[in-house]
């Protein structure tokens, strides 16, 4: 039996692209705001010495958890956008998968509530999630840099720069004294935000072009 198939035209949806792009930025801002609020709400907290994980443990853990889930949503939104507007190449495809994994890892960090605070129930996987997050953050921007140049050479350069800065900066965290690792972790968070902002701005610009 011969089956006739009707050819379909698949087009990018500009409104969806713009909305997801802006949500990606808002999710980062919600995460930053949740950390700022927790810095003031959590008693005896020193934002220079204490890490974000310290904020995520204890009575007020829900404040930071909200931000973590919002940031997870940002990463998943960027993954959806990267799949919706594929810039070409295997690196971009692997980057999409990596972004989805990053979103899942960040979600698990919040959901598991394992922050090195003497957890003993079940298997504690927090440190392994951190290692995976660190590795993916070093690789994904580099993988997607070639594809991003299709929207502008500066996008590719920004992504390579983010990858290099992260690769050199992230390992230092594990060797810092406890007195300053909190502020350094926030610096690493800004690098992660920059990664999302670069891709979000790329997709928002693409969506605006599609709307014209």
Protein backbone atom coordinates (compact mmCIF):
# COMPACT_ATOMS: atom_id res chain seq x y z
CA UNK A 1 0.00 0.00 0.00
CA UNK A 2 1.33 3.40 -0.96
CA UNK A 3 0.88 6.08 1.63
CA UNK A 4 0.73 9.65 0.50
CA UNK A 5 2.18 12.15 2.90
CA UNK A 6 1.40 15.79 2.95
CA UNK A 7 4.46 18.01 3.15
CA UNK A 8 4.39 20.53 5.97
CA UNK A 9 6.28 23.74 6.49
CA UNK A 10 7.79 24.15 9.93
CA UNK A 11 8.40 27.71 10.99
CA UNK A 12 9.76 29.33 14.12
CA UNK A 13 7.11 30.99 16.29
CA UNK A 14 8.40 34.49 17.12
CA UNK A 15 6.12 35.14 20.10
CA UNK A 16 7.15 31.89 21.77
CA UNK A 17 10.81 32.69 21.12
CA UNK A 18 10.56 36.16 22.65
CA UNK A 19 8.54 35.01 25.68
CA UNK A 20 10.90 32.14 26.49
CA UNK A 21 13.89 34.41 25.95
CA UNK A 22 12.63 36.98 28.42
CA UNK A 23 11.63 34.29 30.92
CA UNK A 24 15.19 32.96 30.80
CA UNK A 25 16.43 36.37 31.92
CA UNK A 26 13.69 36.78 34.54
CA UNK A 27 14.49 33.34 36.00
CA UNK A 28 18.08 34.43 36.62
CA UNK A 29 16.88 37.65 38.25
CA UNK A 30 14.48 35.72 40.50
CA UNK A 31 17.37 33.49 41.60
CA UNK A 32 19.55 36.53 42.34
CA UNK A 33 16.68 38.19 44.26
CA UNK A 34 16.03 35.04 46.30
CA UNK A 35 19.69 34.97 47.36
CA UNK A 36 19.58 38.66 48.28
CA UNK A 37 16.40 38.19 50.34
CA UNK A 38 17.82 35.12 52.08
CA UNK A 39 21.02 37.03 52.90
CA UNK A 40 18.90 39.36 55.05
CA UNK A 41 16.37 36.84 56.37
CA UNK A 42 18.65 33.96 57.42
CA UNK A 43 20.07 34.78 60.86
CA UNK A 44 23.84 35.02 61.37
CA UNK A 45 24.55 34.69 57.67
CA UNK A 46 27.76 36.10 56.22
CA UNK A 47 27.43 36.43 52.46
CA UNK A 48 31.20 36.61 52.03
CA UNK A 49 32.01 33.48 53.99
CA UNK A 50 28.80 31.43 53.68
CA UNK A 51 27.81 29.80 50.42
CA UNK A 52 24.45 29.72 48.70
CA UNK A 53 24.17 26.13 49.88
CA UNK A 54 24.25 27.43 53.46
CA UNK A 55 21.25 29.61 52.61
CA UNK A 56 19.48 26.58 51.14
CA UNK A 57 19.71 24.59 54.37
CA UNK A 58 17.52 25.15 57.40
CA UNK A 59 14.29 26.92 58.25
CA UNK A 60 14.33 29.39 55.34
CA UNK A 61 15.47 26.98 52.62
CA UNK A 62 12.31 27.62 50.60
CA UNK A 63 13.50 31.14 49.73
CA UNK A 64 16.58 29.96 47.84
CA UNK A 65 14.74 26.89 46.51
CA UNK A 66 12.32 29.20 44.68
CA UNK A 67 15.27 30.87 42.99
CA UNK A 68 16.92 27.55 42.15
CA UNK A 69 13.76 26.29 40.46
CA UNK A 70 13.40 29.57 38.56
CA UNK A 71 16.98 29.28 37.30
CA UNK A 72 16.37 25.65 36.35
CA UNK A 73 13.44 26.88 34.28
CA UNK A 74 15.72 29.44 32.62
CA UNK A 75 18.12 26.74 31.49
CA UNK A 76 15.30 24.54 30.20
CA UNK A 77 13.81 27.53 28.35
CA UNK A 78 17.17 28.18 26.67
CA UNK A 79 17.35 24.50 25.71
CA UNK A 80 13.88 24.70 24.16
CA UNK A 81 14.85 27.84 22.26
CA UNK A 82 18.08 26.27 21.01
CA UNK A 83 16.09 23.30 19.70
CA UNK A 84 13.40 25.55 18.21
CA UNK A 85 15.94 27.73 16.42
CA UNK A 86 18.76 25.34 15.59
CA UNK A 87 21.87 27.20 14.46
CA UNK A 88 23.39 24.09 12.88
CA UNK A 89 26.23 21.74 13.64
CA UNK A 90 26.78 18.87 16.05
CA UNK A 91 28.17 21.21 18.69
CA UNK A 92 24.88 23.07 18.84
CA UNK A 93 22.96 19.80 19.09
CA UNK A 94 25.14 18.55 21.94
CA UNK A 95 24.73 21.95 23.56
CA UNK A 96 20.94 21.51 23.56
CA UNK A 97 21.28 18.20 25.37
CA UNK A 98 23.77 19.73 27.79
CA UNK A 99 21.42 22.62 28.58
CA UNK A 100 18.58 20.22 29.31
CA UNK A 101 20.88 18.25 31.63
CA UNK A 102 21.99 21.47 33.33
CA UNK A 103 18.37 22.39 33.98
CA UNK A 104 17.74 18.95 35.47
CA UNK A 105 20.88 19.10 37.62
CA UNK A 106 19.99 22.53 39.02
CA UNK A 107 16.47 21.29 39.75
CA UNK A 108 17.85 18.24 41.58
CA UNK A 109 20.17 20.43 43.65
CA UNK A 110 17.11 22.24 44.98
CA UNK A 111 14.84 19.21 45.24
CA UNK A 112 17.33 16.97 47.07
CA UNK A 113 18.17 19.61 49.71
CA UNK A 114 21.62 18.11 50.19
CA UNK A 115 23.85 21.00 51.05
CA UNK A 116 26.69 19.38 52.90
CA UNK A 117 24.87 19.88 56.21
CA UNK A 118 25.56 16.39 57.60
CA UNK A 119 22.83 14.67 55.57
CA UNK A 120 22.85 10.94 56.15
CA UNK A 121 19.52 9.71 54.78
CA UNK A 122 20.03 7.75 51.58
CA UNK A 123 22.73 8.45 49.02
CA UNK A 124 24.03 12.01 49.13
CA UNK A 125 24.69 13.12 45.54
CA UNK A 126 25.09 16.89 45.95
CA UNK A 127 28.83 16.95 45.31
CA UNK A 128 28.43 14.83 42.17
CA UNK A 129 25.76 17.20 40.89
CA UNK A 130 28.15 20.09 41.50
CA UNK A 131 30.93 18.34 39.58
CA UNK A 132 28.58 17.63 36.66
CA UNK A 133 27.32 21.21 36.64
CA UNK A 134 30.86 22.56 36.64
CA UNK A 135 31.93 20.34 33.76
CA UNK A 136 28.88 21.11 31.62
CA UNK A 137 29.22 24.85 32.19
CA UNK A 138 32.78 24.68 30.88
CA UNK A 139 31.85 22.70 27.77
CA UNK A 140 28.41 23.87 26.61
CA UNK A 141 29.21 27.52 25.77
CA UNK A 142 32.20 26.37 23.72
CA UNK A 143 30.11 23.77 21.88
CA UNK A 144 27.48 26.36 20.97
CA UNK A 145 29.87 29.15 20.03
CA UNK A 146 30.19 28.18 16.35
CA UNK A 147 26.45 28.02 15.87
CA UNK A 148 25.94 31.30 17.69
CA UNK A 149 28.14 33.11 15.16
CA UNK A 150 25.30 32.64 12.65
CA UNK A 151 23.44 35.34 14.60
CA UNK A 152 26.56 37.49 15.04
CA UNK A 153 30.28 36.98 15.51
CA UNK A 154 30.18 38.66 18.91
CA UNK A 155 27.84 35.99 20.26
CA UNK A 156 30.36 33.27 19.48
CA UNK A 157 33.17 35.28 21.05
CA UNK A 158 31.15 35.88 24.20
CA UNK A 159 30.39 32.17 24.56
CA UNK A 160 34.03 31.17 24.10
CA UNK A 161 35.02 33.79 26.66
CA UNK A 162 32.46 32.49 29.15
CA UNK A 163 33.69 28.94 28.65
CA UNK A 164 37.32 29.92 29.20
CA UNK A 165 36.62 32.11 32.24
CA UNK A 166 34.49 29.40 33.82
CA UNK A 167 37.04 26.64 33.11
CA UNK A 168 39.76 28.61 34.91
CA UNK A 169 37.56 30.02 37.68
CA UNK A 170 35.38 27.11 38.80
CA UNK A 171 38.13 24.72 40.05
CA UNK A 172 39.54 27.49 42.27
CA UNK A 173 36.40 27.34 44.41
CA UNK A 174 37.36 23.96 45.88
CA UNK A 175 40.69 25.32 47.17
CA UNK A 176 39.45 28.54 48.75
CA UNK A 177 39.39 29.11 52.51
CA UNK A 178 35.96 29.08 54.14
CA UNK A 179 36.21 32.79 54.85
CA UNK A 180 35.71 33.88 51.22
CA UNK A 181 34.15 30.97 49.35
CA UNK A 182 30.66 32.49 49.67
CA UNK A 183 31.44 35.61 47.66
CA UNK A 184 33.43 33.57 45.14
CA UNK A 185 30.47 31.25 44.58
CA UNK A 186 28.36 34.29 43.80
CA UNK A 187 30.97 35.36 41.25
CA UNK A 188 30.62 31.95 39.57
CA UNK A 189 26.87 32.47 39.56
CA UNK A 190 27.31 35.70 37.62
CA UNK A 191 29.26 33.79 34.96
CA UNK A 192 26.40 31.30 34.67
CA UNK A 193 23.93 34.18 34.40
CA UNK A 194 26.06 35.75 31.66
CA UNK A 195 25.83 32.50 29.69
CA UNK A 196 22.03 32.57 29.90
CA UNK A 197 21.87 36.30 29.10
CA UNK A 198 23.99 35.92 25.95
CA UNK A 199 21.83 33.12 24.54
CA UNK A 200 18.59 34.77 25.67
CA UNK A 201 19.52 38.03 23.93
CA UNK A 202 20.43 36.06 20.80
CA UNK A 203 17.03 34.35 20.72
CA UNK A 204 15.06 37.49 21.60
CA UNK A 205 16.75 39.26 18.71
CA UNK A 206 15.92 36.33 16.41
CA UNK A 207 12.30 36.46 17.56
CA UNK A 208 12.08 40.19 16.89
CA UNK A 209 13.49 39.67 13.39
CA UNK A 210 10.95 36.93 12.71
CA UNK A 211 8.17 39.30 13.83
CA UNK A 212 9.05 41.91 11.23
